[in-house]
Amino acid sequence: MEIDSGLIAQESMAQEALAASAAGNVSNNNNSNNNELGPGNRIKFAPLTAEQVAGGETQYRRVRIPPHRYTPLQKQWENILTPLVQHMKLHVRFNPKSRSVEMKTSPETDDPGALARAADFVQAFAMGFDVQDAVALLRLEDLFVDSFEVKDVKMLHGDHLSRAIGRIAGQGGKTKYAIENATRTRIVVADQRIHILGSFQNIKIARDAICKLILGAPPGKVYNQMRTVASRMNERF
């Protein structure tokens, strides 16, 4: 009887081992089915959310608004708030004490770069760009804002500085609009500072044209160059 009981115990242990190995194989198969296999039989994991990238911590950004942009911000507040809250899934508010727009991530924020792009969008509006132009920073990833001063190109003072700024703008903004249409950029002339919104290559072309105007090139010559640039870009696209 002792021998029979020992055999029975060994058989039960063997059956338990077989059952455990079968359960392990089933779980491995389920895990392999749940994880998608990418090219080269590599496991393809789901992208991390913004909260997971930050380690579960809430990220903050603050953009200070200059005094001359308070009134435009008040008028365009709903147009600024809508893409940030509905599309970027961010929490946004205006702090009247610090005179700045404060943004932070929320549990619903999916894009890890949403906060950085939202800060660029608000900063572009604070520089003087229209909301319709600045909102492109949220939708496209290859757009940038480049800023420089007239004195960075050439040291000018008094009337010489005023004439250089006048050459950039042109009569009724004609020169500025010509550069914008030819290079597919947006330009803001804020006193001595110049801001350009566009792709890297287009910003370079627009900046070169503005630098030539600052150095004293006649607007007619710049017009001809802009026509050539526009025709080349139309052929390219």
Protein backbone atom coordinates (compact mmCIF):
# COMPACT_ATOMS: atom_id res chain seq x y z
CA MET A 1 0.00 0.00 0.00
CA GLU A 2 2.91 2.31 0.72
CA ILE A 3 4.26 1.66 -2.80
CA ASP A 4 0.88 2.28 -4.39
CA SER A 5 0.44 5.54 -2.47
CA GLY A 6 3.90 6.70 -3.62
CA LEU A 7 3.07 5.96 -7.24
CA ILE A 8 -0.20 7.81 -6.92
CA ALA A 9 1.62 10.83 -5.41
CA GLN A 10 4.17 10.85 -8.27
CA GLU A 11 1.41 10.65 -10.88
CA SER A 12 -0.49 13.56 -9.27
CA MET A 13 2.71 15.67 -9.18
CA ALA A 14 3.36 14.93 -12.85
CA GLN A 15 -0.17 15.91 -13.78
CA GLU A 16 0.17 19.19 -11.84
CA ALA A 17 3.45 19.95 -13.65
CA LEU A 18 1.85 19.30 -17.03
CA ALA A 19 -1.10 21.54 -16.15
CA ALA A 20 1.22 24.35 -15.02
CA SER A 21 3.31 24.15 -18.19
CA ALA A 22 0.16 24.19 -20.33
CA ALA A 23 -1.14 27.26 -18.47
CA GLY A 24 2.24 28.96 -18.99
CA ASN A 25 2.13 28.29 -22.72
CA VAL A 26 -1.39 29.71 -22.96
CA SER A 27 -0.39 32.87 -21.12
CA ASN A 28 2.68 33.30 -23.34
CA ASN A 29 0.53 32.91 -26.42
CA ASN A 30 -1.93 35.48 -25.12
CA ASN A 31 0.88 37.96 -24.40
CA SER A 32 2.37 37.45 -27.83
CA ASN A 33 -1.04 38.00 -29.40
CA ASN A 34 -1.67 41.17 -27.41
CA ASN A 35 1.68 42.73 -28.44
CA GLU A 36 1.78 43.62 -32.11
CA LEU A 37 4.81 42.45 -34.00
CA GLY A 38 6.46 45.10 -36.11
CA PRO A 39 8.93 44.67 -38.98
CA GLY A 40 11.63 42.13 -38.26
CA ASN A 41 9.42 40.33 -35.69
CA ARG A 42 9.98 43.10 -33.13
CA ILE A 43 7.35 43.90 -30.54
CA LYS A 44 5.60 47.20 -31.29
CA PHE A 45 4.52 48.98 -28.10
CA ALA A 46 1.81 51.60 -27.87
CA PRO A 47 3.06 55.24 -27.70
CA LEU A 48 3.42 56.80 -24.26
CA THR A 49 1.07 59.54 -23.16
CA ALA A 50 2.29 62.95 -22.03
CA GLU A 51 1.68 62.03 -18.39
CA GLN A 52 3.71 58.82 -18.72
CA VAL A 53 6.61 60.66 -20.39
CA ALA A 54 6.68 63.15 -17.50
CA GLY A 55 6.77 60.32 -14.96
CA GLY A 56 3.24 60.96 -13.77
CA GLU A 57 3.98 64.61 -12.94
CA THR A 58 2.05 67.59 -14.30
CA GLN A 59 4.05 69.88 -16.58
CA TYR A 60 3.61 73.65 -16.57
CA ARG A 61 4.42 76.43 -19.03
CA ARG A 62 4.01 80.18 -18.63
CA VAL A 63 4.10 82.73 -21.46
CA ARG A 64 4.29 86.40 -20.54
CA ILE A 65 2.11 88.76 -22.58
CA PRO A 66 3.51 92.25 -23.38
CA PRO A 67 1.28 95.23 -22.50
CA HIS A 68 0.47 96.14 -26.10
CA ARG A 69 -1.02 92.65 -26.67
CA TYR A 70 -3.51 92.72 -23.77
CA THR A 71 -6.38 94.08 -25.86
CA PRO A 72 -5.84 91.66 -28.81
CA LEU A 73 -5.59 88.81 -26.30
CA GLN A 74 -8.90 89.78 -24.74
CA LYS A 75 -10.61 89.94 -28.12
CA GLN A 76 -9.12 86.69 -29.42
CA TRP A 77 -9.20 84.74 -26.14
CA GLU A 78 -11.89 82.30 -27.28
CA ASN A 79 -10.05 81.58 -30.55
CA ILE A 80 -6.84 80.96 -28.61
CA LEU A 81 -8.50 78.81 -25.96
CA THR A 82 -10.41 76.50 -28.32
CA PRO A 83 -7.47 74.70 -30.01
CA LEU A 84 -5.51 74.48 -26.77
CA VAL A 85 -8.32 72.88 -24.76
CA GLN A 86 -10.22 70.86 -27.37
CA HIS A 87 -7.35 69.65 -29.57
CA MET A 88 -4.27 69.76 -27.32
CA LYS A 89 -6.25 68.66 -24.20
CA LEU A 90 -4.51 71.23 -21.96
CA HIS A 91 -5.63 73.31 -19.00
CA VAL A 92 -5.22 77.02 -19.76
CA ARG A 93 -5.82 80.21 -17.83
CA PHE A 94 -4.73 83.86 -17.85
CA ASN A 95 -3.11 85.07 -14.63
CA PRO A 96 -3.81 88.81 -14.24
CA LYS A 97 -1.21 89.19 -11.48
CA SER A 98 1.72 87.93 -13.53
CA ARG A 99 0.15 89.08 -16.84
CA SER A 100 0.87 85.71 -18.40
CA VAL A 101 -0.92 82.74 -19.94
CA GLU A 102 -0.41 79.61 -17.85
CA MET A 103 -0.78 76.11 -19.29
CA LYS A 104 -0.45 72.63 -17.84
CA THR A 105 -0.99 69.07 -18.97
CA SER A 106 -4.07 67.08 -17.99
CA PRO A 107 -4.76 63.32 -17.70
CA GLU A 108 -6.40 63.53 -21.16
CA THR A 109 -3.27 64.95 -22.83
CA ASP A 110 -2.06 62.35 -25.35
CA ASP A 111 0.68 64.18 -27.25
CA PRO A 112 3.94 64.52 -25.26
CA GLY A 113 4.87 67.62 -27.29
CA ALA A 114 1.49 69.34 -26.90
CA LEU A 115 2.65 71.67 -24.13
CA ALA A 116 5.75 72.84 -26.01
CA ARG A 117 3.78 73.52 -29.20
CA ALA A 118 1.07 75.32 -27.23
CA ALA A 119 3.71 77.56 -25.65
CA ASP A 120 5.12 78.35 -29.10
CA PHE A 121 1.62 79.17 -30.34
CA VAL A 122 0.91 81.62 -27.50
CA GLN A 123 4.40 83.11 -27.80
CA ALA A 124 3.86 83.71 -31.52
CA PHE A 125 0.60 85.52 -30.77
CA ALA A 126 2.38 87.62 -28.14
CA MET A 127 4.95 88.61 -30.77
CA GLY A 128 2.21 90.02 -32.98
CA PHE A 129 1.15 87.22 -35.33
CA ASP A 130 -2.53 86.66 -36.04
CA VAL A 131 -4.26 83.68 -34.44
CA GLN A 132 -4.98 82.17 -37.89
CA ASP A 133 -1.24 82.24 -38.69
CA ALA A 134 0.06 81.21 -35.27
CA VAL A 135 -2.30 78.21 -35.00
CA ALA A 136 -0.26 76.55 -37.76
CA LEU A 137 2.41 75.90 -35.11
CA LEU A 138 -0.02 73.46 -33.46
CA ARG A 139 -0.83 71.57 -36.65
CA LEU A 140 2.55 71.42 -38.41
CA GLU A 141 5.84 70.32 -36.91
CA ASP A 142 8.22 71.94 -39.43
CA LEU A 143 7.32 75.56 -38.64
CA PHE A 144 9.52 77.87 -36.60
CA VAL A 145 9.72 81.49 -35.48
CA ASP A 146 12.95 83.42 -36.08
CA SER A 147 13.55 86.81 -34.45
CA PHE A 148 16.31 89.36 -34.90
CA GLU A 149 16.88 93.11 -34.61
CA VAL A 150 17.79 95.62 -37.27
CA LYS A 151 20.99 96.45 -35.35
CA ASP A 152 22.06 92.81 -35.59
CA VAL A 153 22.48 93.35 -39.34
CA LYS A 154 23.86 96.90 -39.32
CA MET A 155 24.34 99.50 -36.60
CA LEU A 156 21.94 102.30 -37.51
CA HIS A 157 20.74 105.28 -35.50
CA GLY A 158 18.19 108.03 -35.82
CA ASP A 159 16.75 108.67 -39.27
CA HIS A 160 18.87 105.93 -40.83
CA LEU A 161 17.19 103.36 -38.58
CA SER A 162 13.72 104.74 -39.39
CA ARG A 163 14.41 104.60 -43.13
CA ALA A 164 15.62 100.99 -42.86
CA ILE A 165 12.40 99.98 -41.09
CA GLY A 166 10.42 101.88 -43.74
CA ARG A 167 12.20 99.97 -46.53
CA ILE A 168 11.26 96.67 -44.88
CA ALA A 169 7.57 97.58 -44.58
CA GLY A 170 7.22 99.53 -47.83
CA GLN A 171 4.43 101.89 -48.73
CA GLY A 172 1.27 100.52 -47.13
CA GLY A 173 3.13 97.29 -46.27
CA LYS A 174 3.68 96.49 -49.95
CA THR A 175 7.27 95.25 -49.57
CA LYS A 176 6.47 93.11 -46.53
CA TYR A 177 3.48 91.49 -48.28
CA ALA A 178 5.59 90.79 -51.37
CA ILE A 179 8.21 88.96 -49.29
CA GLU A 180 5.52 87.03 -47.42
CA ASN A 181 3.75 85.89 -50.59
CA ALA A 182 6.96 84.94 -52.37
CA THR A 183 8.49 82.98 -49.48
CA ARG A 184 5.24 81.64 -47.92
CA THR A 185 6.08 83.16 -44.55
CA ARG A 186 4.53 85.65 -42.15
CA ILE A 187 6.51 88.70 -41.00
CA VAL A 188 5.92 91.02 -38.05
CA VAL A 189 7.85 94.29 -37.78
CA ALA A 190 7.70 95.35 -34.13
CA ASP A 191 9.77 98.54 -33.89
CA GLN A 192 13.39 97.37 -34.26
CA ARG A 193 12.60 93.65 -33.90
CA ILE A 194 11.54 91.47 -36.83
CA HIS A 195 9.78 88.13 -36.39
CA ILE A 196 9.43 85.58 -39.21
CA LEU A 197 7.12 82.55 -39.10
CA GLY A 198 7.60 79.71 -41.58
CA SER A 199 9.65 76.68 -42.49
CA PHE A 200 13.44 76.70 -42.06
CA GLN A 201 14.25 77.18 -45.74
CA ASN A 202 11.58 79.83 -46.31
CA ILE A 203 12.69 81.76 -43.23
CA LYS A 204 16.23 81.86 -44.60
CA ILE A 205 15.05 83.30 -47.94
CA ALA A 206 12.87 85.93 -46.25
CA ARG A 207 15.64 86.87 -43.80
CA ASP A 208 18.14 87.34 -46.64
CA ALA A 209 15.72 89.66 -48.44
CA ILE A 210 15.10 91.72 -45.29
CA CYS A 211 18.84 91.97 -44.59
CA LYS A 212 19.40 93.35 -48.10
CA LEU A 213 16.76 96.01 -47.46
CA ILE A 214 18.40 96.94 -44.18
CA LEU A 215 21.78 97.27 -45.87
CA GLY A 216 20.30 99.74 -48.36
CA ALA A 217 19.23 97.68 -51.38
CA PRO A 218 16.47 99.39 -53.41
CA PRO A 219 13.03 97.75 -53.02
CA GLY A 220 12.69 97.34 -56.81
CA LYS A 221 15.69 95.04 -56.92
CA VAL A 222 14.31 92.99 -54.03
CA TYR A 223 10.95 92.76 -55.84
CA ASN A 224 12.63 91.19 -58.87
CA GLN A 225 14.45 88.69 -56.69
CA MET A 226 11.21 87.80 -54.92
CA ARG A 227 9.51 87.17 -58.28
CA THR A 228 12.30 84.78 -59.21
CA VAL A 229 12.04 83.01 -55.86
CA ALA A 230 8.24 82.72 -56.19
CA SER A 231 8.47 81.24 -59.67
CA ARG A 232 11.05 78.67 -58.52
CA MET A 233 8.95 77.64 -55.53
CA ASN A 234 5.84 77.27 -57.74
CA GLU A 235 7.78 75.03 -60.12
CA ARG A 236 9.03 72.95 -57.19
CA PHE A 237 5.55 72.37 -55.78
